[in-house]
Amino acid sequence: MIPKQSTYRDRLQPWCIIRHLPKCQRLTVARFARRPDAESYLNALRRLMPAVPHTIVFVNALSANETSVPIPMQLSSIQR
């Protein structure tokens, strides 16, 4: 699967339902803004496709313009 750039819409809907595929791949089935909506959809998927494994995940991706400082760097700057 080809990773894609996170869009503004993706950041507004961080709760994802993913379907597990062979060879450690995954497919995003749906995205939601609220966890209860994702759980309801997951229950419907489990009733319709009981043999297919699905999981709810929270994706908090940074955009290409945003940067994050690694935790070891933050700790070393605080101690000084």
PDB file of N, CA and C in Angstrom:
ATOM      1  N   MET A   1       0.833  -1.173   0.000  1.00  0.00           N
ATOM      2  CA  MET A   1       0.000   0.000   0.000  1.00  0.00           C
ATOM      3  C   MET A   1       0.880   1.239   0.000  1.00  0.00           C
ATOM      4  N   ILE A   2       0.453   2.245  -0.700  1.00  0.00           N
ATOM      5  CA  ILE A   2       1.226   3.469  -0.816  1.00  0.00           C
ATOM      6  C   ILE A   2       0.778   4.439   0.266  1.00  0.00           C
ATOM      7  N   PRO A   3       1.701   4.913   1.121  1.00  0.00           N
ATOM      8  CA  PRO A   3       1.304   5.900   2.126  1.00  0.00           C
ATOM      9  C   PRO A   3       0.963   7.210   1.451  1.00  0.00           C
ATOM     10  N   LYS A   4      -0.028   7.894   1.977  1.00  0.00           N
ATOM     11  CA  LYS A   4      -0.443   9.152   1.371  1.00  0.00           C
ATOM     12  C   LYS A   4      -0.276  10.291   2.368  1.00  0.00           C
ATOM     13  N   GLN A   5      -0.224  11.493   1.836  1.00  0.00           N
ATOM     14  CA  GLN A   5      -0.091  12.676   2.666  1.00  0.00           C
ATOM     15  C   GLN A   5      -1.388  12.905   3.435  1.00  0.00           C
ATOM     16  N   SER A   6      -1.291  13.265   4.692  1.00  0.00           N
ATOM     17  CA  SER A   6      -2.448  13.539   5.525  1.00  0.00           C
ATOM     18  C   SER A   6      -3.121  14.822   5.065  1.00  0.00           C
ATOM     19  N   THR A   7      -4.428  14.770   4.838  1.00  0.00           N
ATOM     20  CA  THR A   7      -5.161  15.953   4.400  1.00  0.00           C
ATOM     21  C   THR A   7      -5.864  16.591   5.591  1.00  0.00           C
ATOM     22  N   TYR A   8      -6.381  17.782   5.365  1.00  0.00           N
ATOM     23  CA  TYR A   8      -7.106  18.493   6.424  1.00  0.00           C
ATOM     24  C   TYR A   8      -8.312  17.669   6.873  1.00  0.00           C
ATOM     25  N   ARG A   9      -9.008  17.053   5.934  1.00  0.00           N
ATOM     26  CA  ARG A   9     -10.175  16.220   6.256  1.00  0.00           C
ATOM     27  C   ARG A   9      -9.770  15.023   7.114  1.00  0.00           C
ATOM     28  N   ASP A  10      -8.611  14.428   6.798  1.00  0.00           N
ATOM     29  CA  ASP A  10      -8.115  13.293   7.595  1.00  0.00           C
ATOM     30  C   ASP A  10      -7.839  13.717   9.031  1.00  0.00           C
ATOM     31  N   ARG A  11      -7.303  14.942   9.208  1.00  0.00           N
ATOM     32  CA  ARG A  11      -7.013  15.411  10.555  1.00  0.00           C
ATOM     33  C   ARG A  11      -8.278  15.736  11.333  1.00  0.00           C
ATOM     34  N   LEU A  12      -9.373  16.055  10.633  1.00  0.00           N
ATOM     35  CA  LEU A  12     -10.649  16.303  11.304  1.00  0.00           C
ATOM     36  C   LEU A  12     -11.324  15.009  11.734  1.00  0.00           C
ATOM     37  N   GLN A  13     -10.938  13.909  11.125  1.00  0.00           N
ATOM     38  CA  GLN A  13     -11.529  12.604  11.423  1.00  0.00           C
ATOM     39  C   GLN A  13     -10.426  11.625  11.812  1.00  0.00           C
ATOM     40  N   PRO A  14      -9.950  11.704  13.068  1.00  0.00           N
ATOM     41  CA  PRO A  14      -8.797  10.880  13.449  1.00  0.00           C
ATOM     42  C   PRO A  14      -9.129   9.424  13.771  1.00  0.00           C
ATOM     43  N   TRP A  15     -10.386   9.087  14.027  1.00  0.00           N
ATOM     44  CA  TRP A  15     -10.748   7.699  14.360  1.00  0.00           C
ATOM     45  C   TRP A  15     -10.960   6.923  13.073  1.00  0.00           C
ATOM     46  N   CYS A  16     -10.175   5.857  12.886  1.00  0.00           N
ATOM     47  CA  CYS A  16     -10.240   5.057  11.660  1.00  0.00           C
ATOM     48  C   CYS A  16     -10.624   3.623  11.981  1.00  0.00           C
ATOM     49  N   ILE A  17     -11.341   3.030  11.059  1.00  0.00           N
ATOM     50  CA  ILE A  17     -11.566   1.578  11.099  1.00  0.00           C
ATOM     51  C   ILE A  17     -10.706   1.000  10.001  1.00  0.00           C
ATOM     52  N   ILE A  18      -9.831   0.069  10.395  1.00  0.00           N
ATOM     53  CA  ILE A  18      -8.955  -0.547   9.409  1.00  0.00           C
ATOM     54  C   ILE A  18      -9.283  -2.026   9.281  1.00  0.00           C
ATOM     55  N   ARG A  19      -9.083  -2.540   8.076  1.00  0.00           N
ATOM     56  CA  ARG A  19      -9.250  -3.976   7.795  1.00  0.00           C
ATOM     57  C   ARG A  19      -7.855  -4.558   7.641  1.00  0.00           C
ATOM     58  N   HIS A  20      -7.595  -5.633   8.350  1.00  0.00           N
ATOM     59  CA  HIS A  20      -6.288  -6.285   8.280  1.00  0.00           C
ATOM     60  C   HIS A  20      -6.228  -7.167   7.043  1.00  0.00           C
ATOM     61  N   LEU A  21      -5.165  -6.985   6.267  1.00  0.00           N
ATOM     62  CA  LEU A  21      -4.947  -7.744   5.038  1.00  0.00           C
ATOM     63  C   LEU A  21      -3.712  -8.629   5.203  1.00  0.00           C
ATOM     64  N   PRO A  22      -3.502  -9.566   4.281  1.00  0.00           N
ATOM     65  CA  PRO A  22      -2.307 -10.413   4.358  1.00  0.00           C
ATOM     66  C   PRO A  22      -1.019  -9.600   4.223  1.00  0.00           C
ATOM     67  N   LYS A  23       0.079 -10.171   4.672  1.00  0.00           N
ATOM     68  CA  LYS A  23       1.415  -9.581   4.596  1.00  0.00           C
ATOM     69  C   LYS A  23       1.502  -8.251   5.346  1.00  0.00           C
ATOM     70  N   CYS A  24       0.881  -8.188   6.514  1.00  0.00           N
ATOM     71  CA  CYS A  24       0.936  -7.014   7.403  1.00  0.00           C
ATOM     72  C   CYS A  24       0.464  -5.730   6.734  1.00  0.00           C
ATOM     73  N   GLN A  25      -0.455  -5.835   5.813  1.00  0.00           N
ATOM     74  CA  GLN A  25      -1.023  -4.649   5.181  1.00  0.00           C
ATOM     75  C   GLN A  25      -2.346  -4.320   5.842  1.00  0.00           C
ATOM     76  N   ARG A  26      -2.798  -3.080   5.624  1.00  0.00           N
ATOM     77  CA  ARG A  26      -4.082  -2.667   6.182  1.00  0.00           C
ATOM     78  C   ARG A  26      -4.791  -1.753   5.194  1.00  0.00           C
ATOM     79  N   LEU A  27      -6.087  -1.688   5.325  1.00  0.00           N
ATOM     80  CA  LEU A  27      -6.920  -0.857   4.459  1.00  0.00           C
ATOM     81  C   LEU A  27      -7.823  -0.015   5.348  1.00  0.00           C
ATOM     82  N   THR A  28      -7.815   1.294   5.162  1.00  0.00           N
ATOM     83  CA  THR A  28      -8.710   2.158   5.922  1.00  0.00           C
ATOM     84  C   THR A  28     -10.097   2.045   5.315  1.00  0.00           C
ATOM     85  N   VAL A  29     -11.034   1.560   6.112  1.00  0.00           N
ATOM     86  CA  VAL A  29     -12.396   1.343   5.645  1.00  0.00           C
ATOM     87  C   VAL A  29     -13.221   2.616   5.785  1.00  0.00           C
ATOM     88  N   ALA A  30     -13.081   3.294   6.931  1.00  0.00           N
ATOM     89  CA  ALA A  30     -13.860   4.512   7.185  1.00  0.00           C
ATOM     90  C   ALA A  30     -13.137   5.365   8.217  1.00  0.00           C
ATOM     91  N   ARG A  31     -13.451   6.678   8.210  1.00  0.00           N
ATOM     92  CA  ARG A  31     -12.877   7.620   9.168  1.00  0.00           C
ATOM     93  C   ARG A  31     -14.014   8.346   9.872  1.00  0.00           C
ATOM     94  N   PHE A  32     -13.795   8.669  11.165  1.00  0.00           N
ATOM     95  CA  PHE A  32     -14.826   9.320  11.968  1.00  0.00           C
ATOM     96  C   PHE A  32     -14.210  10.385  12.858  1.00  0.00           C
ATOM     97  N   ALA A  33     -15.006  11.378  13.205  1.00  0.00           N
ATOM     98  CA  ALA A  33     -14.559  12.431  14.114  1.00  0.00           C
ATOM     99  C   ALA A  33     -14.716  11.994  15.564  1.00  0.00           C
ATOM    100  N   ARG A  34     -15.683  11.119  15.826  1.00  0.00           N
ATOM    101  CA  ARG A  34     -15.961  10.688  17.213  1.00  0.00           C
ATOM    102  C   ARG A  34     -15.838   9.175  17.332  1.00  0.00           C
ATOM    103  N   ARG A  35     -15.292   8.733  18.459  1.00  0.00           N
ATOM    104  CA  ARG A  35     -15.112   7.299  18.686  1.00  0.00           C
ATOM    105  C   ARG A  35     -16.439   6.534  18.743  1.00  0.00           C
ATOM    106  N   PRO A  36     -17.505   7.057  19.400  1.00  0.00           N
ATOM    107  CA  PRO A  36     -18.758   6.289  19.418  1.00  0.00           C
ATOM    108  C   PRO A  36     -19.311   6.008  18.015  1.00  0.00           C
ATOM    109  N   ASP A  37     -19.100   6.939  17.084  1.00  0.00           N
ATOM    110  CA  ASP A  37     -19.541   6.692  15.706  1.00  0.00           C
ATOM    111  C   ASP A  37     -18.742   5.540  15.088  1.00  0.00           C
ATOM    112  N   ALA A  38     -17.439   5.530  15.355  1.00  0.00           N
ATOM    113  CA  ALA A  38     -16.595   4.449  14.830  1.00  0.00           C
ATOM    114  C   ALA A  38     -16.994   3.099  15.432  1.00  0.00           C
ATOM    115  N   GLU A  39     -17.301   3.101  16.734  1.00  0.00           N
ATOM    116  CA  GLU A  39     -17.706   1.846  17.384  1.00  0.00           C
ATOM    117  C   GLU A  39     -19.020   1.321  16.813  1.00  0.00           C
ATOM    118  N   SER A  40     -19.967   2.207  16.548  1.00  0.00           N
ATOM    119  CA  SER A  40     -21.244   1.779  15.956  1.00  0.00           C
ATOM    120  C   SER A  40     -21.032   1.185  14.575  1.00  0.00           C
ATOM    121  N   TYR A  41     -20.193   1.824  13.777  1.00  0.00           N
ATOM    122  CA  TYR A  41     -19.909   1.324  12.440  1.00  0.00           C
ATOM    123  C   TYR A  41     -19.187  -0.022  12.504  1.00  0.00           C
ATOM    124  N   LEU A  42     -18.264  -0.148  13.468  1.00  0.00           N
ATOM    125  CA  LEU A  42     -17.541  -1.410  13.641  1.00  0.00           C
ATOM    126  C   LEU A  42     -18.499  -2.540  14.018  1.00  0.00           C
ATOM    127  N   ASN A  43     -19.470  -2.256  14.875  1.00  0.00           N
ATOM    128  CA  ASN A  43     -20.461  -3.278  15.230  1.00  0.00           C
ATOM    129  C   ASN A  43     -21.253  -3.724  14.006  1.00  0.00           C
ATOM    130  N   ALA A  44     -21.619  -2.776  13.144  1.00  0.00           N
ATOM    131  CA  ALA A  44     -22.345  -3.134  11.918  1.00  0.00           C
ATOM    132  C   ALA A  44     -21.467  -3.983  11.002  1.00  0.00           C
ATOM    133  N   LEU A  45     -20.189  -3.608  10.868  1.00  0.00           N
ATOM    134  CA  LEU A  45     -19.278  -4.404  10.037  1.00  0.00           C
ATOM    135  C   LEU A  45     -19.120  -5.820  10.572  1.00  0.00           C
ATOM    136  N   ARG A  46     -19.029  -5.944  11.890  1.00  0.00           N
ATOM    137  CA  ARG A  46     -18.867  -7.282  12.487  1.00  0.00           C
ATOM    138  C   ARG A  46     -20.099  -8.145  12.266  1.00  0.00           C
ATOM    139  N   ARG A  47     -21.288  -7.534  12.233  1.00  0.00           N
ATOM    140  CA  ARG A  47     -22.508  -8.301  11.946  1.00  0.00           C
ATOM    141  C   ARG A  47     -22.565  -8.712  10.481  1.00  0.00           C
ATOM    142  N   LEU A  48     -22.117  -7.821   9.585  1.00  0.00           N
ATOM    143  CA  LEU A  48     -22.185  -8.110   8.156  1.00  0.00           C
ATOM    144  C   LEU A  48     -21.054  -9.027   7.680  1.00  0.00           C
ATOM    145  N   MET A  49     -19.856  -8.849   8.263  1.00  0.00           N
ATOM    146  CA  MET A  49     -18.687  -9.636   7.851  1.00  0.00           C
ATOM    147  C   MET A  49     -17.980 -10.175   9.085  1.00  0.00           C
ATOM    148  N   PRO A  50     -18.516 -11.206   9.729  1.00  0.00           N
ATOM    149  CA  PRO A  50     -17.920 -11.693  10.978  1.00  0.00           C
ATOM    150  C   PRO A  50     -16.538 -12.325  10.816  1.00  0.00           C
ATOM    151  N   ALA A  51     -16.188 -12.790   9.628  1.00  0.00           N
ATOM    152  CA  ALA A  51     -14.900 -13.465   9.438  1.00  0.00           C
ATOM    153  C   ALA A  51     -13.758 -12.497   9.114  1.00  0.00           C
ATOM    154  N   VAL A  52     -14.087 -11.243   8.843  1.00  0.00           N
ATOM    155  CA  VAL A  52     -13.060 -10.267   8.446  1.00  0.00           C
ATOM    156  C   VAL A  52     -12.642  -9.449   9.665  1.00  0.00           C
ATOM    157  N   PRO A  53     -11.337  -9.417   9.996  1.00  0.00           N
ATOM    158  CA  PRO A  53     -10.893  -8.662  11.178  1.00  0.00           C
ATOM    159  C   PRO A  53     -10.810  -7.159  10.907  1.00  0.00           C
ATOM    160  N   HIS A  54     -11.439  -6.374  11.775  1.00  0.00           N
ATOM    161  CA  HIS A  54     -11.393  -4.915  11.719  1.00  0.00           C
ATOM    162  C   HIS A  54     -10.951  -4.387  13.078  1.00  0.00           C
ATOM    163  N   THR A  55     -10.337  -3.212  13.084  1.00  0.00           N
ATOM    164  CA  THR A  55      -9.869  -2.597  14.316  1.00  0.00           C
ATOM    165  C   THR A  55     -10.091  -1.086  14.244  1.00  0.00           C
ATOM    166  N   ILE A  56     -10.404  -0.494  15.401  1.00  0.00           N
ATOM    167  CA  ILE A  56     -10.500   0.967  15.490  1.00  0.00           C
ATOM    168  C   ILE A  56      -9.141   1.487  15.946  1.00  0.00           C
ATOM    169  N   VAL A  57      -8.631   2.497  15.244  1.00  0.00           N
ATOM    170  CA  VAL A  57      -7.366   3.124  15.626  1.00  0.00           C
ATOM    171  C   VAL A  57      -7.533   4.640  15.630  1.00  0.00           C
ATOM    172  N   PHE A  58      -6.735   5.317  16.458  1.00  0.00           N
ATOM    173  CA  PHE A  58      -6.701   6.775  16.496  1.00  0.00           C
ATOM    174  C   PHE A  58      -5.426   7.207  15.790  1.00  0.00           C
ATOM    175  N   VAL A  59      -5.571   7.975  14.720  1.00  0.00           N
ATOM    176  CA  VAL A  59      -4.424   8.421  13.936  1.00  0.00           C
ATOM    177  C   VAL A  59      -4.240   9.908  14.188  1.00  0.00           C
ATOM    178  N   ASN A  60      -3.133  10.256  14.834  1.00  0.00           N
ATOM    179  CA  ASN A  60      -2.820  11.648  15.107  1.00  0.00           C
ATOM    180  C   ASN A  60      -1.574  11.995  14.310  1.00  0.00           C
ATOM    181  N   ALA A  61      -1.755  12.257  13.010  1.00  0.00           N
ATOM    182  CA  ALA A  61      -0.622  12.489  12.119  1.00  0.00           C
ATOM    183  C   ALA A  61      -0.316  13.977  12.014  1.00  0.00           C
ATOM    184  N   LEU A  62       0.975  14.285  11.987  1.00  0.00           N
ATOM    185  CA  LEU A  62       1.415  15.656  11.768  1.00  0.00           C
ATOM    186  C   LEU A  62       1.516  15.912  10.277  1.00  0.00           C
ATOM    187  N   SER A  63       1.188  17.115   9.871  1.00  0.00           N
ATOM    188  CA  SER A  63       1.316  17.450   8.457  1.00  0.00           C
ATOM    189  C   SER A  63       2.779  17.693   8.120  1.00  0.00           C
ATOM    190  N   ALA A  64       3.082  17.857   6.850  1.00  0.00           N
ATOM    191  CA  ALA A  64       4.471  18.035   6.422  1.00  0.00           C
ATOM    192  C   ALA A  64       5.036  19.359   6.924  1.00  0.00           C
ATOM    193  N   ASN A  65       4.199  20.361   7.162  1.00  0.00           N
ATOM    194  CA  ASN A  65       4.679  21.662   7.615  1.00  0.00           C
ATOM    195  C   ASN A  65       4.963  21.687   9.107  1.00  0.00           C
ATOM    196  N   GLU A  66       4.351  20.814   9.869  1.00  0.00           N
ATOM    197  CA  GLU A  66       4.540  20.790  11.311  1.00  0.00           C
ATOM    198  C   GLU A  66       5.743  19.921  11.646  1.00  0.00           C
ATOM    199  N   THR A  67       6.451  20.300  12.693  1.00  0.00           N
ATOM    200  CA  THR A  67       7.604  19.511  13.119  1.00  0.00           C
ATOM    201  C   THR A  67       7.423  19.127  14.573  1.00  0.00           C
ATOM    202  N   SER A  68       8.036  18.056  14.956  1.00  0.00           N
ATOM    203  CA  SER A  68       8.002  17.631  16.351  1.00  0.00           C
ATOM    204  C   SER A  68       9.435  17.404  16.818  1.00  0.00           C
ATOM    205  N   VAL A  69       9.669  17.680  18.059  1.00  0.00           N
ATOM    206  CA  VAL A  69      10.987  17.487  18.647  1.00  0.00           C
ATOM    207  C   VAL A  69      10.983  16.138  19.342  1.00  0.00           C
ATOM    208  N   PRO A  70      11.967  15.282  19.078  1.00  0.00           N
ATOM    209  CA  PRO A  70      12.016  13.987  19.753  1.00  0.00           C
ATOM    210  C   PRO A  70      12.084  14.148  21.269  1.00  0.00           C
ATOM    211  N   ILE A  71      11.536  13.206  21.989  1.00  0.00           N
ATOM    212  CA  ILE A  71      11.474  13.291  23.450  1.00  0.00           C
ATOM    213  C   ILE A  71      12.856  13.396  24.091  1.00  0.00           C
ATOM    214  N   PRO A  72      13.895  12.645  23.673  1.00  0.00           N
ATOM    215  CA  PRO A  72      15.198  12.800  24.306  1.00  0.00           C
ATOM    216  C   PRO A  72      15.726  14.237  24.216  1.00  0.00           C
ATOM    217  N   MET A  73      15.469  14.929  23.097  1.00  0.00           N
ATOM    218  CA  MET A  73      15.917  16.318  22.942  1.00  0.00           C
ATOM    219  C   MET A  73      15.158  17.218  23.920  1.00  0.00           C
ATOM    220  N   GLN A  74      13.872  16.977  24.100  1.00  0.00           N
ATOM    221  CA  GLN A  74      13.092  17.792  25.014  1.00  0.00           C
ATOM    222  C   GLN A  74      13.593  17.605  26.440  1.00  0.00           C
ATOM    223  N   LEU A  75      13.888  16.377  26.846  1.00  0.00           N
ATOM    224  CA  LEU A  75      14.348  16.109  28.193  1.00  0.00           C
ATOM    225  C   LEU A  75      15.716  16.741  28.446  1.00  0.00           C
ATOM    226  N   SER A  76      16.602  16.670  27.478  1.00  0.00           N
ATOM    227  CA  SER A  76      17.924  17.243  27.683  1.00  0.00           C
ATOM    228  C   SER A  76      17.867  18.761  27.775  1.00  0.00           C
ATOM    229  N   SER A  77      16.962  19.401  27.047  1.00  0.00           N
ATOM    230  CA  SER A  77      16.858  20.852  27.123  1.00  0.00           C
ATOM    231  C   SER A  77      16.230  21.301  28.432  1.00  0.00           C
ATOM    232  N   ILE A  78      15.387  20.483  29.034  1.00  0.00           N
ATOM    233  CA  ILE A  78      14.760  20.827  30.317  1.00  0.00           C
ATOM    234  C   ILE A  78      15.762  20.698  31.444  1.00  0.00           C
ATOM    235  N   GLN A  79      16.642  19.727  31.381  1.00  0.00           N
ATOM    236  CA  GLN A  79      17.587  19.479  32.469  1.00  0.00           C
ATOM    237  C   GLN A  79      18.671  20.559  32.559  1.00  0.00           C
ATOM    238  N   ARG A  80      18.938  21.274  31.492  1.00  0.00           N
ATOM    239  CA  ARG A  80      19.994  22.285  31.492  1.00  0.00           C
ATOM    240  C   ARG A  80      19.574  23.533  32.132  1.00  0.00           C
TER     241      ARG A  80
END
